[in-house]
Amino acid sequence: MALTEAQELKVCQILGITPINLEDQLAWIGSRFTAAVQTAIEAQITLWDAGAGTKTVKIHPRESNKGVETNPMMARADIKRNIAILLEMPEWAGGGMTSTLLRG
């Protein structure tokens, strides 16, 4: 199985990584990148594209019930974390490359 070029670019945008880093990681994962992993990543991309996290609201009980907190970044952080874990690079969930990827 393989992600399409468009899906790879979307993953790079979501995680804040370069295409070469993603390509290197996919090559390293090799046969562990199964159809199930691909389907799970595609599902996360679909959630992202559907605007996940743009309408997240928490209700805080108050006397007047006016305690509303919006936190759209929480859902987006979950999507980033899920994709990063599926790609076996949980450190990518932080939003970008902070160090060089070295594989020996």
N, C-alpha and C. Protein backbone atom coordinates (compact mmCIF):
# COMPACT_ATOMS: atom_id res chain seq x y z
N MET A 1 0.84 -1.17 0.00
CA MET A 1 0.00 0.00 0.00
C MET A 1 0.90 1.24 0.00
N ALA A 2 0.36 2.30 -0.52
CA ALA A 2 1.11 3.56 -0.55
C ALA A 2 0.14 4.73 -0.58
N LEU A 3 0.51 5.77 0.11
CA LEU A 3 -0.27 7.00 0.05
C LEU A 3 -0.06 7.65 -1.31
N THR A 4 -1.07 8.35 -1.78
CA THR A 4 -0.91 9.10 -3.03
C THR A 4 0.00 10.29 -2.74
N GLU A 5 0.49 10.91 -3.80
CA GLU A 5 1.33 12.09 -3.63
C GLU A 5 0.58 13.20 -2.91
N ALA A 6 -0.69 13.37 -3.26
CA ALA A 6 -1.51 14.40 -2.61
C ALA A 6 -1.67 14.10 -1.11
N GLN A 7 -1.87 12.84 -0.77
CA GLN A 7 -2.00 12.47 0.64
C GLN A 7 -0.69 12.69 1.39
N GLU A 8 0.42 12.36 0.75
CA GLU A 8 1.72 12.58 1.37
C GLU A 8 1.93 14.07 1.65
N LEU A 9 1.60 14.90 0.67
CA LEU A 9 1.76 16.34 0.85
C LEU A 9 0.85 16.86 1.97
N LYS A 10 -0.35 16.33 2.06
CA LYS A 10 -1.28 16.73 3.13
C LYS A 10 -0.72 16.34 4.50
N VAL A 11 -0.16 15.13 4.60
CA VAL A 11 0.46 14.69 5.85
C VAL A 11 1.60 15.63 6.22
N CYS A 12 2.41 16.01 5.24
CA CYS A 12 3.52 16.94 5.50
C CYS A 12 2.99 18.27 6.01
N GLN A 13 1.92 18.77 5.42
CA GLN A 13 1.34 20.03 5.87
C GLN A 13 0.78 19.92 7.28
N ILE A 14 0.10 18.83 7.55
CA ILE A 14 -0.51 18.64 8.87
C ILE A 14 0.57 18.55 9.95
N LEU A 15 1.62 17.78 9.67
CA LEU A 15 2.66 17.56 10.67
C LEU A 15 3.75 18.63 10.67
N GLY A 16 3.82 19.42 9.61
CA GLY A 16 4.86 20.44 9.52
C GLY A 16 6.23 19.84 9.25
N ILE A 17 6.27 18.83 8.39
CA ILE A 17 7.52 18.17 8.03
C ILE A 17 7.76 18.32 6.53
N THR A 18 8.97 18.00 6.09
CA THR A 18 9.28 18.09 4.67
C THR A 18 8.94 16.77 3.98
N PRO A 19 8.64 16.83 2.69
CA PRO A 19 8.35 15.60 1.95
C PRO A 19 9.48 14.57 2.01
N ILE A 20 10.73 15.02 1.98
CA ILE A 20 11.84 14.06 2.02
C ILE A 20 11.88 13.31 3.34
N ASN A 21 11.54 14.01 4.45
CA ASN A 21 11.49 13.32 5.74
C ASN A 21 10.40 12.26 5.75
N LEU A 22 9.26 12.58 5.17
CA LEU A 22 8.17 11.61 5.11
C LEU A 22 8.54 10.44 4.22
N GLU A 23 9.13 10.72 3.08
CA GLU A 23 9.55 9.64 2.16
C GLU A 23 10.56 8.72 2.83
N ASP A 24 11.53 9.30 3.53
CA ASP A 24 12.53 8.49 4.24
C ASP A 24 11.87 7.61 5.30
N GLN A 25 10.92 8.19 6.03
CA GLN A 25 10.24 7.42 7.08
C GLN A 25 9.41 6.30 6.49
N LEU A 26 8.70 6.58 5.41
CA LEU A 26 7.89 5.53 4.77
C LEU A 26 8.78 4.40 4.25
N ALA A 27 9.95 4.75 3.71
CA ALA A 27 10.89 3.72 3.24
C ALA A 27 11.39 2.89 4.41
N TRP A 28 11.66 3.55 5.54
CA TRP A 28 12.15 2.83 6.72
C TRP A 28 11.07 1.91 7.30
N ILE A 29 9.82 2.38 7.30
CA ILE A 29 8.72 1.55 7.81
C ILE A 29 8.53 0.32 6.95
N GLY A 30 8.64 0.49 5.63
CA GLY A 30 8.57 -0.63 4.70
C GLY A 30 7.28 -1.43 4.81
N SER A 31 7.41 -2.72 5.04
CA SER A 31 6.26 -3.62 5.04
C SER A 31 5.34 -3.42 6.25
N ARG A 32 5.79 -2.68 7.25
CA ARG A 32 4.91 -2.39 8.39
C ARG A 32 3.85 -1.36 8.02
N PHE A 33 4.02 -0.70 6.87
CA PHE A 33 3.00 0.24 6.39
C PHE A 33 1.95 -0.58 5.66
N THR A 34 0.97 -1.05 6.41
CA THR A 34 -0.05 -1.95 5.89
C THR A 34 -1.26 -1.18 5.38
N ALA A 35 -2.19 -1.92 4.80
CA ALA A 35 -3.44 -1.32 4.33
C ALA A 35 -4.20 -0.70 5.51
N ALA A 36 -4.13 -1.35 6.66
CA ALA A 36 -4.83 -0.83 7.85
C ALA A 36 -4.23 0.51 8.29
N VAL A 37 -2.90 0.62 8.25
CA VAL A 37 -2.24 1.87 8.62
C VAL A 37 -2.62 2.96 7.62
N GLN A 38 -2.59 2.62 6.35
CA GLN A 38 -2.95 3.60 5.32
C GLN A 38 -4.39 4.09 5.51
N THR A 39 -5.30 3.16 5.75
CA THR A 39 -6.71 3.52 5.95
C THR A 39 -6.86 4.44 7.17
N ALA A 40 -6.13 4.14 8.23
CA ALA A 40 -6.20 4.97 9.43
C ALA A 40 -5.67 6.38 9.16
N ILE A 41 -4.59 6.50 8.41
CA ILE A 41 -4.05 7.82 8.07
C ILE A 41 -5.03 8.57 7.17
N GLU A 42 -5.61 7.87 6.20
CA GLU A 42 -6.60 8.51 5.32
C GLU A 42 -7.79 9.03 6.12
N ALA A 43 -8.21 8.29 7.14
CA ALA A 43 -9.33 8.72 7.98
C ALA A 43 -8.96 10.00 8.74
N GLN A 44 -7.73 10.09 9.21
CA GLN A 44 -7.29 11.29 9.91
C GLN A 44 -7.22 12.50 8.96
N ILE A 45 -6.76 12.27 7.73
CA ILE A 45 -6.74 13.34 6.73
C ILE A 45 -8.16 13.82 6.45
N THR A 46 -9.10 12.89 6.35
CA THR A 46 -10.50 13.25 6.11
C THR A 46 -11.05 14.11 7.24
N LEU A 47 -10.74 13.74 8.49
CA LEU A 47 -11.18 14.54 9.63
C LEU A 47 -10.58 15.95 9.56
N TRP A 48 -9.31 16.04 9.23
CA TRP A 48 -8.63 17.33 9.12
C TRP A 48 -9.29 18.19 8.05
N ASP A 49 -9.51 17.57 6.87
CA ASP A 49 -10.11 18.30 5.75
C ASP A 49 -11.55 18.72 6.03
N ALA A 50 -12.23 17.96 6.88
CA ALA A 50 -13.61 18.28 7.22
C ALA A 50 -13.70 19.42 8.24
N GLY A 51 -12.55 19.90 8.69
CA GLY A 51 -12.53 21.01 9.63
C GLY A 51 -12.56 20.59 11.07
N ALA A 52 -12.06 19.41 11.35
CA ALA A 52 -12.05 18.94 12.74
C ALA A 52 -11.40 19.96 13.63
N GLY A 53 -12.03 20.23 14.71
CA GLY A 53 -11.49 21.15 15.68
C GLY A 53 -11.90 22.59 15.48
N THR A 54 -12.59 22.88 14.41
CA THR A 54 -12.97 24.28 14.19
C THR A 54 -14.23 24.65 14.96
N LYS A 55 -14.96 23.66 15.46
CA LYS A 55 -16.21 23.95 16.17
C LYS A 55 -16.26 23.25 17.52
N THR A 56 -15.09 23.03 18.12
CA THR A 56 -15.03 22.36 19.41
C THR A 56 -15.36 23.35 20.52
N VAL A 57 -16.28 23.00 21.38
CA VAL A 57 -16.70 23.88 22.48
C VAL A 57 -16.81 23.05 23.75
N LYS A 58 -16.34 23.62 24.85
CA LYS A 58 -16.52 23.01 26.16
C LYS A 58 -17.49 23.89 26.94
N ILE A 59 -18.41 23.28 27.65
CA ILE A 59 -19.35 24.01 28.49
C ILE A 59 -18.90 23.86 29.94
N HIS A 60 -18.70 24.98 30.62
CA HIS A 60 -18.33 24.98 32.02
C HIS A 60 -19.55 25.37 32.84
N PRO A 61 -19.99 24.51 33.75
CA PRO A 61 -21.17 24.84 34.54
C PRO A 61 -20.93 26.08 35.41
N ARG A 62 -21.81 27.02 35.29
CA ARG A 62 -21.78 28.26 36.07
C ARG A 62 -23.22 28.58 36.46
N GLU A 63 -23.36 29.53 37.32
CA GLU A 63 -24.70 29.93 37.73
C GLU A 63 -25.53 30.38 36.53
N SER A 64 -24.90 31.10 35.63
CA SER A 64 -25.63 31.61 34.48
C SER A 64 -25.44 30.74 33.23
N ASN A 65 -24.63 29.66 33.33
CA ASN A 65 -24.32 28.79 32.20
C ASN A 65 -23.73 29.55 31.02
N LYS A 66 -22.94 30.56 31.29
CA LYS A 66 -22.28 31.30 30.22
C LYS A 66 -20.80 30.95 30.12
N GLY A 67 -20.38 29.90 30.82
CA GLY A 67 -18.97 29.52 30.81
C GLY A 67 -18.64 28.63 29.62
N VAL A 68 -18.40 29.23 28.46
CA VAL A 68 -18.10 28.47 27.25
C VAL A 68 -16.64 28.69 26.89
N GLU A 69 -15.94 27.60 26.63
CA GLU A 69 -14.54 27.67 26.22
C GLU A 69 -14.41 26.97 24.87
N THR A 70 -13.86 27.67 23.91
CA THR A 70 -13.61 27.02 22.62
C THR A 70 -12.17 26.57 22.59
N ASN A 71 -11.93 25.38 22.08
CA ASN A 71 -10.59 24.82 22.03
C ASN A 71 -10.42 24.03 20.74
N PRO A 72 -10.40 24.69 19.59
CA PRO A 72 -10.31 23.97 18.33
C PRO A 72 -8.97 23.28 18.13
N MET A 73 -7.94 23.73 18.79
CA MET A 73 -6.63 23.14 18.58
C MET A 73 -6.50 21.75 19.19
N MET A 74 -7.34 21.41 20.14
CA MET A 74 -7.28 20.11 20.78
C MET A 74 -7.56 18.98 19.79
N ALA A 75 -8.60 19.12 18.98
CA ALA A 75 -8.93 18.09 17.99
C ALA A 75 -7.83 18.00 16.93
N ARG A 76 -7.30 19.13 16.52
CA ARG A 76 -6.22 19.13 15.53
C ARG A 76 -4.96 18.48 16.10
N ALA A 77 -4.68 18.71 17.36
CA ALA A 77 -3.52 18.08 18.01
C ALA A 77 -3.69 16.57 18.05
N ASP A 78 -4.92 16.11 18.29
CA ASP A 78 -5.19 14.66 18.29
C ASP A 78 -4.93 14.06 16.92
N ILE A 79 -5.33 14.75 15.86
CA ILE A 79 -5.11 14.25 14.50
C ILE A 79 -3.61 14.18 14.22
N LYS A 80 -2.88 15.23 14.58
CA LYS A 80 -1.42 15.23 14.38
C LYS A 80 -0.79 14.06 15.12
N ARG A 81 -1.18 13.90 16.39
CA ARG A 81 -0.61 12.81 17.20
C ARG A 81 -0.93 11.45 16.59
N ASN A 82 -2.16 11.26 16.15
CA ASN A 82 -2.55 9.98 15.56
C ASN A 82 -1.73 9.66 14.31
N ILE A 83 -1.58 10.64 13.42
CA ILE A 83 -0.80 10.41 12.20
C ILE A 83 0.66 10.14 12.54
N ALA A 84 1.22 10.93 13.44
CA ALA A 84 2.63 10.75 13.82
C ALA A 84 2.88 9.36 14.41
N ILE A 85 1.97 8.89 15.24
CA ILE A 85 2.12 7.57 15.83
C ILE A 85 2.01 6.49 14.77
N LEU A 86 1.06 6.63 13.85
CA LEU A 86 0.91 5.65 12.78
C LEU A 86 2.16 5.59 11.89
N LEU A 87 2.87 6.71 11.78
CA LEU A 87 4.10 6.76 11.00
C LEU A 87 5.33 6.42 11.85
N GLU A 88 5.10 5.99 13.07
CA GLU A 88 6.16 5.58 14.00
C GLU A 88 7.13 6.72 14.32
N MET A 89 6.62 7.95 14.34
CA MET A 89 7.42 9.13 14.68
C MET A 89 6.61 10.05 15.59
N PRO A 90 6.34 9.63 16.82
CA PRO A 90 5.50 10.44 17.70
C PRO A 90 6.03 11.86 17.92
N GLU A 91 7.34 12.04 17.78
CA GLU A 91 7.89 13.39 17.95
C GLU A 91 7.42 14.35 16.87
N TRP A 92 6.91 13.86 15.76
CA TRP A 92 6.39 14.72 14.71
C TRP A 92 5.07 15.38 15.11
N ALA A 93 4.44 14.91 16.13
CA ALA A 93 3.16 15.47 16.56
C ALA A 93 3.33 16.88 17.12
N GLY A 94 4.56 17.27 17.40
CA GLY A 94 4.81 18.58 17.98
C GLY A 94 4.68 19.72 17.00
N GLY A 95 4.52 19.45 15.72
CA GLY A 95 4.27 20.51 14.75
C GLY A 95 5.43 20.84 13.85
N GLY A 96 6.47 20.07 13.87
CA GLY A 96 7.58 20.37 12.95
C GLY A 96 8.83 19.64 13.35
N MET A 97 9.78 19.71 12.47
CA MET A 97 11.04 19.04 12.71
C MET A 97 11.92 19.92 13.59
N THR A 98 12.38 19.37 14.69
CA THR A 98 13.29 20.09 15.55
C THR A 98 14.68 19.48 15.50
N SER A 99 14.78 18.31 14.91
CA SER A 99 16.07 17.66 14.77
C SER A 99 16.11 16.90 13.47
N THR A 100 17.30 16.50 13.09
CA THR A 100 17.49 15.79 11.84
C THR A 100 17.17 14.31 12.03
N LEU A 101 16.47 13.74 11.09
CA LEU A 101 16.12 12.33 11.10
C LEU A 101 17.33 11.54 10.63
N LEU A 102 17.85 10.66 11.47
CA LEU A 102 19.00 9.83 11.10
C LEU A 102 18.61 8.37 11.24
N ARG A 103 18.80 7.61 10.22
CA ARG A 103 18.54 6.17 10.25
C ARG A 103 19.81 5.48 9.83
N GLY A 104 20.19 4.49 10.58
CA GLY A 104 21.43 3.79 10.26
C GLY A 104 21.21 2.39 9.83
